[in-house]
């Protein structure tokens, strides 16, 4: 009898807690992309809307070279990226490679662009980036894209190994991930 009383009290307490918390919120879709938390330098100008959101994961190759404009200084030079682009559900929808930096949709359309701005993205991460897109080649998802925004970067910075004349020409590949947000005129 004591067990029934305890179970009944527990059930009443549970129902009371559920009732006091109000009705369950309906399930909603993911919130639309917002650039509000980004530095102003890499925000897309007004008059544009998100056309596609992707997550790029892959690698960046760096090469040890003589620093531009010097004869005796060495640096790790960004030699190029290679990444798969997936939509928010995880489906492979394209690729990113270079040089030149090229974003290609699975439908064959592709584009290149010109860097407009960068902003720090935290220690150990390549910077946020804003790119003005060149006209797309081929018809498809890249047609009409005006800007590409790189956000949510993880990794990808130049290697910490020494770059010196003794290892000139050495290539090192580092892993990275970033969101690539494609914008079109509104």
Protein backbone atom coordinates (compact mmCIF):
# COMPACT_ATOMS: atom_id res chain seq x y z
CA UNK A 1 0.00 0.00 0.00
CA UNK A 2 2.84 2.37 0.84
CA UNK A 3 4.36 1.74 -2.62
CA UNK A 4 1.11 2.73 -4.36
CA UNK A 5 0.97 5.96 -2.35
CA UNK A 6 4.57 6.85 -3.26
CA UNK A 7 3.99 6.09 -6.97
CA UNK A 8 0.78 8.15 -6.98
CA UNK A 9 2.55 11.11 -5.36
CA UNK A 10 5.37 10.87 -7.89
CA UNK A 11 2.90 10.80 -10.78
CA UNK A 12 1.04 13.85 -9.44
CA UNK A 13 4.34 15.73 -9.02
CA UNK A 14 5.42 14.87 -12.56
CA UNK A 15 2.09 15.95 -14.06
CA UNK A 16 2.18 19.18 -12.08
CA UNK A 17 5.67 19.97 -13.32
CA UNK A 18 4.63 19.37 -16.93
CA UNK A 19 1.48 21.47 -16.56
CA UNK A 20 3.32 24.39 -14.99
CA UNK A 21 5.87 24.52 -17.78
CA UNK A 22 3.18 25.43 -20.32
CA UNK A 23 2.45 23.81 -23.66
CA UNK A 24 5.26 22.17 -25.56
CA UNK A 25 6.83 24.43 -28.14
CA UNK A 26 6.26 23.25 -31.69
CA UNK A 27 9.29 21.88 -33.52
CA UNK A 28 10.83 24.52 -35.73
CA UNK A 29 13.32 24.61 -38.56
CA UNK A 30 16.86 25.82 -37.91
CA UNK A 31 17.09 29.57 -37.54
CA UNK A 32 18.05 31.45 -40.71
CA UNK A 33 21.71 32.35 -41.02
CA UNK A 34 22.67 35.61 -39.32
CA UNK A 35 25.91 37.50 -39.76
CA UNK A 36 25.24 39.76 -36.75
CA UNK A 37 28.07 38.22 -34.65
CA UNK A 38 30.68 38.70 -37.38
CA UNK A 39 33.11 41.61 -37.55
CA UNK A 40 31.81 44.42 -39.78
CA UNK A 41 34.70 43.99 -42.25
CA UNK A 42 33.41 40.58 -43.39
CA UNK A 43 29.68 41.30 -43.40
CA UNK A 44 27.92 41.15 -46.76
CA UNK A 45 26.48 44.54 -47.74
CA UNK A 46 22.73 45.17 -47.46
CA UNK A 47 20.69 44.16 -50.47
CA UNK A 48 21.82 40.51 -50.52
CA UNK A 49 20.27 37.29 -49.25
CA UNK A 50 21.68 33.86 -48.42
CA UNK A 51 21.45 31.55 -51.41
CA UNK A 52 23.24 28.51 -49.96
CA UNK A 53 24.98 27.49 -46.72
CA UNK A 54 27.75 24.91 -46.81
CA UNK A 55 30.36 23.43 -44.50
CA UNK A 56 33.76 22.93 -46.09
CA UNK A 57 36.09 20.32 -44.62
CA UNK A 58 39.43 19.44 -46.08
CA UNK A 59 42.99 20.59 -46.19
CA UNK A 60 45.19 23.56 -46.96
CA UNK A 61 48.67 23.10 -48.40
CA UNK A 62 51.48 25.45 -47.39
CA UNK A 63 54.88 25.63 -49.08
CA UNK A 64 58.13 26.97 -47.61
CA UNK A 65 59.24 29.80 -49.94
CA UNK A 66 61.27 32.99 -50.01
CA UNK A 67 59.09 35.79 -48.64
CA UNK A 68 57.86 38.12 -51.40
CA UNK A 69 59.92 41.30 -51.66
CA UNK A 70 62.88 39.86 -49.76
CA UNK A 71 65.96 37.91 -50.72
CA UNK A 72 66.76 36.23 -47.44
CA UNK A 73 63.52 35.76 -45.48
CA UNK A 74 61.43 32.59 -45.68
CA UNK A 75 57.73 32.00 -44.96
CA UNK A 76 55.01 29.39 -45.22
CA UNK A 77 53.10 30.35 -48.36
CA UNK A 78 49.43 29.42 -48.86
CA UNK A 79 49.67 27.05 -51.83
CA UNK A 80 46.01 26.07 -52.04
CA UNK A 81 42.93 24.45 -50.52
CA UNK A 82 41.08 21.22 -51.27
CA UNK A 83 37.75 20.67 -49.48
CA UNK A 84 34.39 19.08 -49.93
CA UNK A 85 31.33 21.30 -49.46
CA UNK A 86 28.34 19.79 -47.68
CA UNK A 87 24.93 21.29 -47.08
CA UNK A 88 23.53 21.55 -43.54
CA UNK A 89 22.07 18.04 -43.80
CA UNK A 90 25.51 16.58 -44.60
CA UNK A 91 24.99 15.96 -48.32
CA UNK A 92 28.03 16.64 -50.52
CA UNK A 93 27.00 19.54 -52.79
CA UNK A 94 30.31 20.75 -54.17
CA UNK A 95 34.01 21.38 -53.70
CA UNK A 96 36.48 24.16 -53.02
CA UNK A 97 39.96 24.10 -54.54
CA UNK A 98 42.68 26.27 -55.99
CA UNK A 99 44.58 28.20 -57.02
CA UNK A 100 42.77 30.21 -58.05
CA UNK A 101 40.24 29.80 -55.24
CA UNK A 102 37.31 28.06 -56.93
CA UNK A 103 33.94 27.00 -55.52
CA UNK A 104 32.25 24.37 -57.67
CA UNK A 105 28.73 23.02 -57.27
CA UNK A 106 27.91 19.37 -57.89
CA UNK A 107 25.83 20.61 -60.85
CA UNK A 108 29.04 21.77 -62.59
CA UNK A 109 28.62 25.52 -62.13
CA UNK A 110 31.61 27.21 -60.52
CA UNK A 111 33.06 30.58 -59.67
CA UNK A 112 36.17 32.35 -58.49
CA UNK A 113 36.38 35.61 -56.60
CA UNK A 114 38.44 38.46 -55.19
CA UNK A 115 39.08 38.78 -51.47
CA UNK A 116 37.48 41.92 -50.07
CA UNK A 117 38.33 41.57 -46.37
CA UNK A 118 39.48 39.27 -43.59
CA UNK A 119 38.98 39.37 -39.82
CA UNK A 120 40.53 37.31 -37.02
CA UNK A 121 38.70 34.11 -36.08
CA UNK A 122 40.63 33.09 -32.97
CA UNK A 123 44.00 31.50 -32.27
CA UNK A 124 44.78 28.52 -34.46
CA UNK A 125 42.04 29.29 -37.00
CA UNK A 126 42.27 30.80 -40.45
CA UNK A 127 40.51 34.18 -40.53
CA UNK A 128 36.93 34.95 -41.48
CA UNK A 129 36.83 36.12 -45.08
CA UNK A 130 34.60 38.04 -47.46
CA UNK A 131 35.02 37.38 -51.19
CA UNK A 132 33.37 39.27 -54.07
CA UNK A 133 32.35 36.61 -56.59
CA UNK A 134 33.23 36.76 -60.26
CA UNK A 135 30.45 35.76 -62.68
CA UNK A 136 29.75 32.03 -62.53
CA UNK A 137 30.91 29.65 -65.21
CA UNK A 138 28.11 27.32 -66.23
CA UNK A 139 24.46 27.45 -65.22
CA UNK A 140 23.44 26.14 -61.82
CA UNK A 141 23.69 26.84 -58.10
CA UNK A 142 26.59 29.27 -58.50
CA UNK A 143 24.78 31.42 -61.06
CA UNK A 144 24.09 34.88 -59.64
CA UNK A 145 26.24 34.46 -56.51
CA UNK A 146 27.62 37.87 -55.57
CA UNK A 147 29.57 37.15 -52.36
CA UNK A 148 31.07 34.19 -50.53
CA UNK A 149 31.58 34.49 -46.81
CA UNK A 150 33.92 32.18 -44.86
CA UNK A 151 32.92 31.86 -41.20
CA UNK A 152 33.10 29.41 -38.27
CA UNK A 153 36.68 28.48 -39.15
CA UNK A 154 38.53 25.70 -37.35
CA UNK A 155 42.24 25.08 -37.93
CA UNK A 156 43.97 25.68 -41.24
CA UNK A 157 46.74 28.03 -40.09
CA UNK A 158 50.29 27.83 -41.44
CA UNK A 159 52.48 25.15 -39.89
CA UNK A 160 54.52 25.95 -36.80
CA UNK A 161 57.58 24.15 -38.19
CA UNK A 162 60.53 26.31 -39.14
CA UNK A 163 60.63 27.51 -42.74
CA UNK A 164 64.26 28.06 -43.68
CA UNK A 165 66.47 27.82 -46.78
CA UNK A 166 67.27 24.23 -45.76
CA UNK A 167 63.62 23.17 -46.29
CA UNK A 168 62.68 25.51 -49.15
CA UNK A 169 60.07 23.86 -51.33
CA UNK A 170 58.78 21.63 -48.54
CA UNK A 171 54.98 21.27 -48.53
CA UNK A 172 52.89 20.65 -45.44
CA UNK A 173 49.18 19.90 -45.44
CA UNK A 174 46.98 21.03 -42.54
CA UNK A 175 43.34 20.16 -41.87
CA UNK A 176 40.62 22.78 -41.61
CA UNK A 177 36.89 23.35 -41.57
CA UNK A 178 34.83 26.45 -42.36
CA UNK A 179 31.32 27.48 -43.26
CA UNK A 180 30.99 28.97 -46.74
CA UNK A 181 27.89 31.11 -47.09
CA UNK A 182 26.89 32.04 -50.65
CA UNK A 183 24.94 35.27 -51.18
CA UNK A 184 22.90 36.61 -54.12
CA UNK A 185 21.28 40.02 -54.66
CA UNK A 186 17.93 40.23 -52.84
